[in-house]
């Protein structure tokens, strides 16, 4: 069976399973799919009881265990549909990205679980450091690449341990990629910083860097660059990025930053 068929079948099964009961996204919040998979009508919406809520605004930044953060999964590993939190739509459901009127798919599967951290925002009006060419933020929540062994359902929320971060420069915008691991992964206790990733998962950091460097080139886009000499920065730096993007988020919802077309409460 072709890879496209495999990933499409996997997604349809995942969506069908979710449709029966929903998935517990966070304490008191359930994610529920609506519409047929592989159509622009498909979305994952979030509910507290009968009320729709926002996964971006209503799920906590930090997990219950100190030092861990909540990871909202948008794209399960080994799938191709480019799903994302719709920051401009009411209550910010997860939807499939569109380009020129067509559903967007990666040209090959992503090898890690991918999503974001709630209550973070990369402010497009704030310049980054000299090491990233003073690039402005990309106007989205902080992205997460989760490297654990298991696939995570889209719409679910998982406690993660931050391990490091890459400063990706995408079309001139700063688009941080937080590297993290599911806190309940069998190897999580042995992986505490970016150097541990290279020991326990050889080649993973380079793989993440190169995947994100090249993934837009089939669409005739240029390769992406990386700041800080392309280095994957360690846990302490990653925590600073989380803190900074959470600060920008608080400015956004507090009226200190221009939301533009973003949907905020």
C-alpha atoms as a PDB file:
ATOM      1  CA  UNK A   1       0.000   0.000   0.000  1.00  0.00           C
ATOM      2  CA  UNK A   2       1.324   3.454  -0.882  1.00  0.00           C
ATOM      3  CA  UNK A   3       2.406   5.737   1.957  1.00  0.00           C
ATOM      4  CA  UNK A   4      -0.302   8.275   1.062  1.00  0.00           C
ATOM      5  CA  UNK A   5      -2.933   5.572   1.464  1.00  0.00           C
ATOM      6  CA  UNK A   6      -1.440   4.395   4.748  1.00  0.00           C
ATOM      7  CA  UNK A   7      -1.394   7.849   6.315  1.00  0.00           C
ATOM      8  CA  UNK A   8      -4.851   8.643   4.957  1.00  0.00           C
ATOM      9  CA  UNK A   9      -6.243   5.412   6.423  1.00  0.00           C
ATOM     10  CA  UNK A  10      -4.553   6.127   9.753  1.00  0.00           C
ATOM     11  CA  UNK A  11      -6.052   9.599   9.913  1.00  0.00           C
ATOM     12  CA  UNK A  12      -9.542   8.397   9.020  1.00  0.00           C
ATOM     13  CA  UNK A  13      -9.369   5.740  11.728  1.00  0.00           C
ATOM     14  CA  UNK A  14      -8.090   8.285  14.247  1.00  0.00           C
ATOM     15  CA  UNK A  15     -10.852  10.726  13.379  1.00  0.00           C
ATOM     16  CA  UNK A  16     -13.484   7.982  13.547  1.00  0.00           C
ATOM     17  CA  UNK A  17     -12.259   6.922  16.985  1.00  0.00           C
ATOM     18  CA  UNK A  18     -12.267  10.513  18.193  1.00  0.00           C
ATOM     19  CA  UNK A  19     -15.793  11.051  16.894  1.00  0.00           C
ATOM     20  CA  UNK A  20     -17.222   8.356  19.161  1.00  0.00           C
ATOM     21  CA  UNK A  21     -16.293   9.914  22.482  1.00  0.00           C
ATOM     22  CA  UNK A  22     -13.889  12.766  21.821  1.00  0.00           C
ATOM     23  CA  UNK A  23     -10.482  12.818  23.484  1.00  0.00           C
ATOM     24  CA  UNK A  24      -9.672  14.350  26.855  1.00  0.00           C
ATOM     25  CA  UNK A  25      -7.571  17.319  25.842  1.00  0.00           C
ATOM     26  CA  UNK A  26      -6.969  18.721  29.312  1.00  0.00           C
ATOM     27  CA  UNK A  27      -8.623  18.843  32.709  1.00  0.00           C
ATOM     28  CA  UNK A  28     -12.313  19.451  32.045  1.00  0.00           C
ATOM     29  CA  UNK A  29     -11.770  19.975  28.295  1.00  0.00           C
ATOM     30  CA  UNK A  30     -12.634  17.468  25.548  1.00  0.00           C
ATOM     31  CA  UNK A  31     -11.567  17.640  21.880  1.00  0.00           C
ATOM     32  CA  UNK A  32     -14.206  16.574  19.358  1.00  0.00           C
ATOM     33  CA  UNK A  33     -13.832  16.273  15.564  1.00  0.00           C
ATOM     34  CA  UNK A  34     -16.456  17.621  13.202  1.00  0.00           C
ATOM     35  CA  UNK A  35     -16.868  16.950   9.484  1.00  0.00           C
ATOM     36  CA  UNK A  36     -15.311  14.314   7.232  1.00  0.00           C
ATOM     37  CA  UNK A  37     -11.540  13.870   7.266  1.00  0.00           C
ATOM     38  CA  UNK A  38      -9.578  15.153   4.272  1.00  0.00           C
ATOM     39  CA  UNK A  39     -12.109  17.924   3.583  1.00  0.00           C
ATOM     40  CA  UNK A  40     -12.050  21.595   4.434  1.00  0.00           C
ATOM     41  CA  UNK A  41     -15.113  20.996   6.641  1.00  0.00           C
ATOM     42  CA  UNK A  42     -13.063  18.884   9.057  1.00  0.00           C
ATOM     43  CA  UNK A  43     -12.036  20.485  12.347  1.00  0.00           C
ATOM     44  CA  UNK A  44     -11.276  19.558  15.932  1.00  0.00           C
ATOM     45  CA  UNK A  45     -13.168  21.719  18.389  1.00  0.00           C
ATOM     46  CA  UNK A  46     -12.744  21.911  22.144  1.00  0.00           C
ATOM     47  CA  UNK A  47     -15.481  21.869  24.774  1.00  0.00           C
ATOM     48  CA  UNK A  48     -15.820  22.383  28.507  1.00  0.00           C
ATOM     49  CA  UNK A  49     -19.189  20.762  29.104  1.00  0.00           C
ATOM     50  CA  UNK A  50     -21.496  22.127  26.432  1.00  0.00           C
ATOM     51  CA  UNK A  51     -19.489  25.316  25.892  1.00  0.00           C
ATOM     52  CA  UNK A  52     -16.895  25.591  23.148  1.00  0.00           C
ATOM     53  CA  UNK A  53     -13.537  26.853  24.375  1.00  0.00           C
ATOM     54  CA  UNK A  54     -10.183  27.752  22.846  1.00  0.00           C
ATOM     55  CA  UNK A  55      -7.228  25.350  23.060  1.00  0.00           C
ATOM     56  CA  UNK A  56      -4.919  28.336  22.707  1.00  0.00           C
ATOM     57  CA  UNK A  57      -6.477  30.467  25.426  1.00  0.00           C
ATOM     58  CA  UNK A  58      -8.205  28.009  27.792  1.00  0.00           C
ATOM     59  CA  UNK A  59      -5.589  25.276  28.259  1.00  0.00           C
ATOM     60  CA  UNK A  60      -2.899  25.995  30.818  1.00  0.00           C
ATOM     61  CA  UNK A  61       0.701  26.705  29.874  1.00  0.00           C
ATOM     62  CA  UNK A  62       2.160  24.486  32.582  1.00  0.00           C
ATOM     63  CA  UNK A  63       1.362  20.865  33.327  1.00  0.00           C
ATOM     64  CA  UNK A  64       0.614  19.683  36.850  1.00  0.00           C
ATOM     65  CA  UNK A  65       4.196  18.476  37.434  1.00  0.00           C
ATOM     66  CA  UNK A  66       6.739  21.225  38.021  1.00  0.00           C
ATOM     67  CA  UNK A  67       9.031  21.853  35.064  1.00  0.00           C
ATOM     68  CA  UNK A  68       6.646  20.298  32.547  1.00  0.00           C
ATOM     69  CA  UNK A  69       4.454  22.076  30.003  1.00  0.00           C
ATOM     70  CA  UNK A  70       1.293  21.233  28.102  1.00  0.00           C
ATOM     71  CA  UNK A  71       1.786  20.120  24.504  1.00  0.00           C
ATOM     72  CA  UNK A  72      -1.244  20.462  22.235  1.00  0.00           C
ATOM     73  CA  UNK A  73      -0.779  17.964  19.409  1.00  0.00           C
ATOM     74  CA  UNK A  74      -1.851  19.214  16.000  1.00  0.00           C
ATOM     75  CA  UNK A  75      -0.114  16.631  13.769  1.00  0.00           C
ATOM     76  CA  UNK A  76       0.546  13.016  14.886  1.00  0.00           C
ATOM     77  CA  UNK A  77       3.851  11.495  13.815  1.00  0.00           C
ATOM     78  CA  UNK A  78       4.012   9.737  10.430  1.00  0.00           C
ATOM     79  CA  UNK A  79       1.088  11.716   8.991  1.00  0.00           C
ATOM     80  CA  UNK A  80       1.031  14.345   6.250  1.00  0.00           C
ATOM     81  CA  UNK A  81      -2.048  16.551   6.698  1.00  0.00           C
ATOM     82  CA  UNK A  82      -0.898  20.052   7.742  1.00  0.00           C
ATOM     83  CA  UNK A  83      -3.216  20.596  10.711  1.00  0.00           C
ATOM     84  CA  UNK A  84      -2.934  23.689  12.898  1.00  0.00           C
ATOM     85  CA  UNK A  85      -4.707  25.781  15.484  1.00  0.00           C
ATOM     86  CA  UNK A  86      -6.676  28.404  13.582  1.00  0.00           C
ATOM     87  CA  UNK A  87      -5.576  31.509  15.462  1.00  0.00           C
ATOM     88  CA  UNK A  88      -7.951  33.737  13.475  1.00  0.00           C
ATOM     89  CA  UNK A  89     -11.179  31.723  13.909  1.00  0.00           C
ATOM     90  CA  UNK A  90     -13.548  31.947  16.854  1.00  0.00           C
ATOM     91  CA  UNK A  91     -12.416  29.619  19.658  1.00  0.00           C
ATOM     92  CA  UNK A  92      -9.372  28.563  17.591  1.00  0.00           C
ATOM     93  CA  UNK A  93     -10.265  25.026  16.423  1.00  0.00           C
ATOM     94  CA  UNK A  94      -7.649  22.794  14.824  1.00  0.00           C
ATOM     95  CA  UNK A  95      -8.167  22.789  11.040  1.00  0.00           C
ATOM     96  CA  UNK A  96      -6.237  21.725   7.974  1.00  0.00           C
ATOM     97  CA  UNK A  97      -4.235  24.521   6.445  1.00  0.00           C
ATOM     98  CA  UNK A  98      -5.283  25.708   2.985  1.00  0.00           C
ATOM     99  CA  UNK A  99      -3.110  27.031   0.173  1.00  0.00           C
ATOM    100  CA  UNK A 100      -4.560  28.460  -3.028  1.00  0.00           C
ATOM    101  CA  UNK A 101      -7.907  26.905  -2.210  1.00  0.00           C
ATOM    102  CA  UNK A 102      -6.517  23.401  -1.656  1.00  0.00           C
ATOM    103  CA  UNK A 103      -5.899  21.383   1.480  1.00  0.00           C
ATOM    104  CA  UNK A 104      -2.256  21.443   2.431  1.00  0.00           C
ATOM    105  CA  UNK A 105      -0.220  18.258   2.928  1.00  0.00           C
ATOM    106  CA  UNK A 106       3.447  17.729   3.621  1.00  0.00           C
ATOM    107  CA  UNK A 107       5.250  16.059   0.720  1.00  0.00           C
ATOM    108  CA  UNK A 108       6.421  13.362   3.112  1.00  0.00           C
ATOM    109  CA  UNK A 109       5.350  12.327   6.606  1.00  0.00           C
ATOM    110  CA  UNK A 110       6.613  14.194   9.627  1.00  0.00           C
ATOM    111  CA  UNK A 111       8.602  11.833  11.841  1.00  0.00           C
ATOM    112  CA  UNK A 112       7.673  13.388  15.183  1.00  0.00           C
ATOM    113  CA  UNK A 113       4.514  14.557  16.918  1.00  0.00           C
ATOM    114  CA  UNK A 114       4.060  18.240  16.172  1.00  0.00           C
ATOM    115  CA  UNK A 115       2.003  20.971  17.775  1.00  0.00           C
ATOM    116  CA  UNK A 116       2.294  23.935  20.111  1.00  0.00           C
ATOM    117  CA  UNK A 117       2.226  25.156  23.694  1.00  0.00           C
ATOM    118  CA  UNK A 118      -0.958  26.998  24.746  1.00  0.00           C
ATOM    119  CA  UNK A 119      -0.754  30.565  26.035  1.00  0.00           C
ATOM    120  CA  UNK A 120       2.364  31.383  24.007  1.00  0.00           C
ATOM    121  CA  UNK A 121       2.772  33.747  21.060  1.00  0.00           C
ATOM    122  CA  UNK A 122       5.636  34.853  18.829  1.00  0.00           C
ATOM    123  CA  UNK A 123       4.995  38.569  18.534  1.00  0.00           C
ATOM    124  CA  UNK A 124       5.418  39.786  14.921  1.00  0.00           C
ATOM    125  CA  UNK A 125       6.186  43.277  16.198  1.00  0.00           C
ATOM    126  CA  UNK A 126       9.144  42.284  18.368  1.00  0.00           C
ATOM    127  CA  UNK A 127      12.633  41.863  16.927  1.00  0.00           C
ATOM    128  CA  UNK A 128      14.738  38.865  17.827  1.00  0.00           C
ATOM    129  CA  UNK A 129      18.403  38.957  18.803  1.00  0.00           C
ATOM    130  CA  UNK A 130      21.328  39.684  16.506  1.00  0.00           C
ATOM    131  CA  UNK A 131      21.879  35.903  16.276  1.00  0.00           C
ATOM    132  CA  UNK A 132      18.617  35.604  14.315  1.00  0.00           C
ATOM    133  CA  UNK A 133      19.200  38.742  12.257  1.00  0.00           C
ATOM    134  CA  UNK A 134      16.666  40.675  14.382  1.00  0.00           C
ATOM    135  CA  UNK A 135      13.861  38.719  12.679  1.00  0.00           C
ATOM    136  CA  UNK A 136      10.307  39.351  13.854  1.00  0.00           C
ATOM    137  CA  UNK A 137       8.103  36.636  15.370  1.00  0.00           C
ATOM    138  CA  UNK A 138       5.837  34.553  13.140  1.00  0.00           C
ATOM    139  CA  UNK A 139       2.505  35.492  14.835  1.00  0.00           C
ATOM    140  CA  UNK A 140       1.786  31.941  16.038  1.00  0.00           C
ATOM    141  CA  UNK A 141       1.994  29.967  19.283  1.00  0.00           C
ATOM    142  CA  UNK A 142       5.336  28.345  20.091  1.00  0.00           C
ATOM    143  CA  UNK A 143       5.844  25.191  17.981  1.00  0.00           C
ATOM    144  CA  UNK A 144       6.812  21.877  19.563  1.00  0.00           C
ATOM    145  CA  UNK A 145       8.548  18.860  18.035  1.00  0.00           C
ATOM    146  CA  UNK A 146       7.891  15.923  20.383  1.00  0.00           C
ATOM    147  CA  UNK A 147      10.456  13.130  19.846  1.00  0.00           C
ATOM    148  CA  UNK A 148       8.992  10.300  21.951  1.00  0.00           C
ATOM    149  CA  UNK A 149       8.354   6.782  20.743  1.00  0.00           C
ATOM    150  CA  UNK A 150       4.550   6.855  20.551  1.00  0.00           C
ATOM    151  CA  UNK A 151       2.095   8.608  18.266  1.00  0.00           C
ATOM    152  CA  UNK A 152      -0.063  11.228  19.999  1.00  0.00           C
ATOM    153  CA  UNK A 153      -3.662  11.921  18.954  1.00  0.00           C
ATOM    154  CA  UNK A 154      -4.434  15.246  17.311  1.00  0.00           C
ATOM    155  CA  UNK A 155      -6.305  17.446  19.762  1.00  0.00           C
ATOM    156  CA  UNK A 156      -4.870  15.775  22.854  1.00  0.00           C
ATOM    157  CA  UNK A 157      -2.780  17.534  25.476  1.00  0.00           C
ATOM    158  CA  UNK A 158       0.341  15.835  26.839  1.00  0.00           C
ATOM    159  CA  UNK A 159       2.793  16.950  29.538  1.00  0.00           C
ATOM    160  CA  UNK A 160       6.254  17.377  28.013  1.00  0.00           C
ATOM    161  CA  UNK A 161       9.799  18.003  29.161  1.00  0.00           C
ATOM    162  CA  UNK A 162      11.590  20.759  27.190  1.00  0.00           C
ATOM    163  CA  UNK A 163      15.015  19.635  25.961  1.00  0.00           C
ATOM    164  CA  UNK A 164      16.205  22.323  23.571  1.00  0.00           C
ATOM    165  CA  UNK A 165      15.216  24.673  20.793  1.00  0.00           C
ATOM    166  CA  UNK A 166      16.073  25.575  17.194  1.00  0.00           C
ATOM    167  CA  UNK A 167      15.774  29.164  15.943  1.00  0.00           C
ATOM    168  CA  UNK A 168      14.267  28.569  12.503  1.00  0.00           C
ATOM    169  CA  UNK A 169      14.061  31.491  10.097  1.00  0.00           C
ATOM    170  CA  UNK A 170      11.121  30.932   7.752  1.00  0.00           C
ATOM    171  CA  UNK A 171      10.715  33.503   4.997  1.00  0.00           C
ATOM    172  CA  UNK A 172      12.425  36.073   7.207  1.00  0.00           C
ATOM    173  CA  UNK A 173      10.326  35.317  10.306  1.00  0.00           C
ATOM    174  CA  UNK A 174      11.581  33.826  13.571  1.00  0.00           C
ATOM    175  CA  UNK A 175       9.787  30.499  14.113  1.00  0.00           C
ATOM    176  CA  UNK A 176      11.181  28.739  17.176  1.00  0.00           C
ATOM    177  CA  UNK A 177      11.000  24.914  17.209  1.00  0.00           C
ATOM    178  CA  UNK A 178      10.965  23.595  20.755  1.00  0.00           C
ATOM    179  CA  UNK A 179      12.376  20.062  21.012  1.00  0.00           C
ATOM    180  CA  UNK A 180      10.665  18.102  23.785  1.00  0.00           C
ATOM    181  CA  UNK A 181       9.716  14.618  24.957  1.00  0.00           C
ATOM    182  CA  UNK A 182       6.486  13.190  26.336  1.00  0.00           C
ATOM    183  CA  UNK A 183       7.009  13.153  30.106  1.00  0.00           C
ATOM    184  CA  UNK A 184       5.613   9.598  30.270  1.00  0.00           C
ATOM    185  CA  UNK A 185       7.842   8.232  27.481  1.00  0.00           C
ATOM    186  CA  UNK A 186       9.880   5.165  28.557  1.00  0.00           C
ATOM    187  CA  UNK A 187      13.115   7.106  28.007  1.00  0.00           C
ATOM    188  CA  UNK A 188      11.958  10.441  29.436  1.00  0.00           C
ATOM    189  CA  UNK A 189      13.887  10.015  32.708  1.00  0.00           C
ATOM    190  CA  UNK A 190      17.116   9.595  30.739  1.00  0.00           C
ATOM    191  CA  UNK A 191      16.642  12.610  28.487  1.00  0.00           C
ATOM    192  CA  UNK A 192      16.929  15.946  30.262  1.00  0.00           C
ATOM    193  CA  UNK A 193      18.813  18.280  27.915  1.00  0.00           C
ATOM    194  CA  UNK A 194      19.741  18.600  24.262  1.00  0.00           C
ATOM    195  CA  UNK A 195      23.017  16.651  24.679  1.00  0.00           C
ATOM    196  CA  UNK A 196      21.004  13.689  25.973  1.00  0.00           C
ATOM    197  CA  UNK A 197      18.982  13.699  22.757  1.00  0.00           C
ATOM    198  CA  UNK A 198      22.104  13.028  20.702  1.00  0.00           C
ATOM    199  CA  UNK A 199      23.081  10.205  23.076  1.00  0.00           C
ATOM    200  CA  UNK A 200      19.687   8.477  23.300  1.00  0.00           C
ATOM    201  CA  UNK A 201      18.312   9.412  19.867  1.00  0.00           C
ATOM    202  CA  UNK A 202      21.380   9.734  17.586  1.00  0.00           C
ATOM    203  CA  UNK A 203      20.744  11.869  14.531  1.00  0.00           C
ATOM    204  CA  UNK A 204      17.394  13.197  15.754  1.00  0.00           C
ATOM    205  CA  UNK A 205      18.420  16.835  16.197  1.00  0.00           C
ATOM    206  CA  UNK A 206      20.063  16.915  12.774  1.00  0.00           C
ATOM    207  CA  UNK A 207      17.018  15.172  11.316  1.00  0.00           C
ATOM    208  CA  UNK A 208      14.656  17.781  12.730  1.00  0.00           C
ATOM    209  CA  UNK A 209      16.848  20.602  11.444  1.00  0.00           C
ATOM    210  CA  UNK A 210      17.097  19.174   7.942  1.00  0.00           C
ATOM    211  CA  UNK A 211      13.422  18.211   7.718  1.00  0.00           C
ATOM    212  CA  UNK A 212      12.383  21.763   8.515  1.00  0.00           C
ATOM    213  CA  UNK A 213      15.119  23.225   6.344  1.00  0.00           C
ATOM    214  CA  UNK A 214      13.870  21.475   3.200  1.00  0.00           C
ATOM    215  CA  UNK A 215      10.174  20.744   3.675  1.00  0.00           C
ATOM    216  CA  UNK A 216       8.893  23.693   1.642  1.00  0.00           C
ATOM    217  CA  UNK A 217      11.196  23.237  -1.336  1.00  0.00           C
ATOM    218  CA  UNK A 218       8.785  20.934  -3.268  1.00  0.00           C
ATOM    219  CA  UNK A 219       6.536  24.013  -3.477  1.00  0.00           C
ATOM    220  CA  UNK A 220       9.409  25.992  -5.036  1.00  0.00           C
ATOM    221  CA  UNK A 221      10.058  27.819  -1.775  1.00  0.00           C
ATOM    222  CA  UNK A 222      13.619  28.540  -0.640  1.00  0.00           C
ATOM    223  CA  UNK A 223      15.224  26.451   2.087  1.00  0.00           C
ATOM    224  CA  UNK A 224      14.792  27.677   5.647  1.00  0.00           C
ATOM    225  CA  UNK A 225      17.717  28.993   7.645  1.00  0.00           C
ATOM    226  CA  UNK A 226      18.539  28.774  11.358  1.00  0.00           C
ATOM    227  CA  UNK A 227      19.955  31.342  13.736  1.00  0.00           C
ATOM    228  CA  UNK A 228      22.616  30.878  16.397  1.00  0.00           C
ATOM    229  CA  UNK A 229      24.924  29.194  13.916  1.00  0.00           C
ATOM    230  CA  UNK A 230      22.295  26.479  13.354  1.00  0.00           C
ATOM    231  CA  UNK A 231      22.979  25.173  16.853  1.00  0.00           C
ATOM    232  CA  UNK A 232      20.249  23.414  18.823  1.00  0.00           C
ATOM    233  CA  UNK A 233      20.256  25.414  22.035  1.00  0.00           C
ATOM    234  CA  UNK A 234      19.844  23.629  25.359  1.00  0.00           C
ATOM    235  CA  UNK A 235      17.110  23.282  27.945  1.00  0.00           C
ATOM    236  CA  UNK A 236      17.883  26.521  29.816  1.00  0.00           C
ATOM    237  CA  UNK A 237      17.595  28.517  26.606  1.00  0.00           C
ATOM    238  CA  UNK A 238      14.405  26.656  25.677  1.00  0.00           C
ATOM    239  CA  UNK A 239      12.860  27.635  29.008  1.00  0.00           C
ATOM    240  CA  UNK A 240      13.721  31.269  28.280  1.00  0.00           C
ATOM    241  CA  UNK A 241      11.949  30.998  24.913  1.00  0.00           C
ATOM    242  CA  UNK A 242       8.847  29.577  26.626  1.00  0.00           C
ATOM    243  CA  UNK A 243       8.954  32.381  29.187  1.00  0.00           C
ATOM    244  CA  UNK A 244       9.403  35.046  26.516  1.00  0.00           C
ATOM    245  CA  UNK A 245       6.601  33.768  24.270  1.00  0.00           C
ATOM    246  CA  UNK A 246       4.291  33.451  27.290  1.00  0.00           C
ATOM    247  CA  UNK A 247       5.111  37.061  28.170  1.00  0.00           C
ATOM    248  CA  UNK A 248       4.243  38.133  24.615  1.00  0.00           C
ATOM    249  CA  UNK A 249       0.998  36.159  24.898  1.00  0.00           C
ATOM    250  CA  UNK A 250       0.095  37.979  28.113  1.00  0.00           C
ATOM    251  CA  UNK A 251       0.743  41.291  26.366  1.00  0.00           C
ATOM    252  CA  UNK A 252      -1.557  40.147  23.560  1.00  0.00           C
ATOM    253  CA  UNK A 253      -4.531  39.272  25.726  1.00  0.00           C
ATOM    254  CA  UNK A 254      -3.826  42.200  28.044  1.00  0.00           C
ATOM    255  CA  UNK A 255      -4.215  44.724  25.233  1.00  0.00           C
ATOM    256  CA  UNK A 256      -0.548  45.714  25.157  1.00  0.00           C
ATOM    257  CA  UNK A 257       0.057  44.198  21.696  1.00  0.00           C
ATOM    258  CA  UNK A 258      -1.905  44.597  18.474  1.00  0.00           C
ATOM    259  CA  UNK A 259      -3.866  41.366  17.796  1.00  0.00           C
ATOM    260  CA  UNK A 260      -4.463  42.199  14.147  1.00  0.00           C
ATOM    261  CA  UNK A 261      -6.773  39.442  12.832  1.00  0.00           C
ATOM    262  CA  UNK A 262      -6.096  37.024  15.712  1.00  0.00           C
ATOM    263  CA  UNK A 263      -9.120  35.786  17.679  1.00  0.00           C
ATOM    264  CA  UNK A 264      -8.720  36.472  21.366  1.00  0.00           C
ATOM    265  CA  UNK A 265     -11.272  36.556  24.139  1.00  0.00           C
END
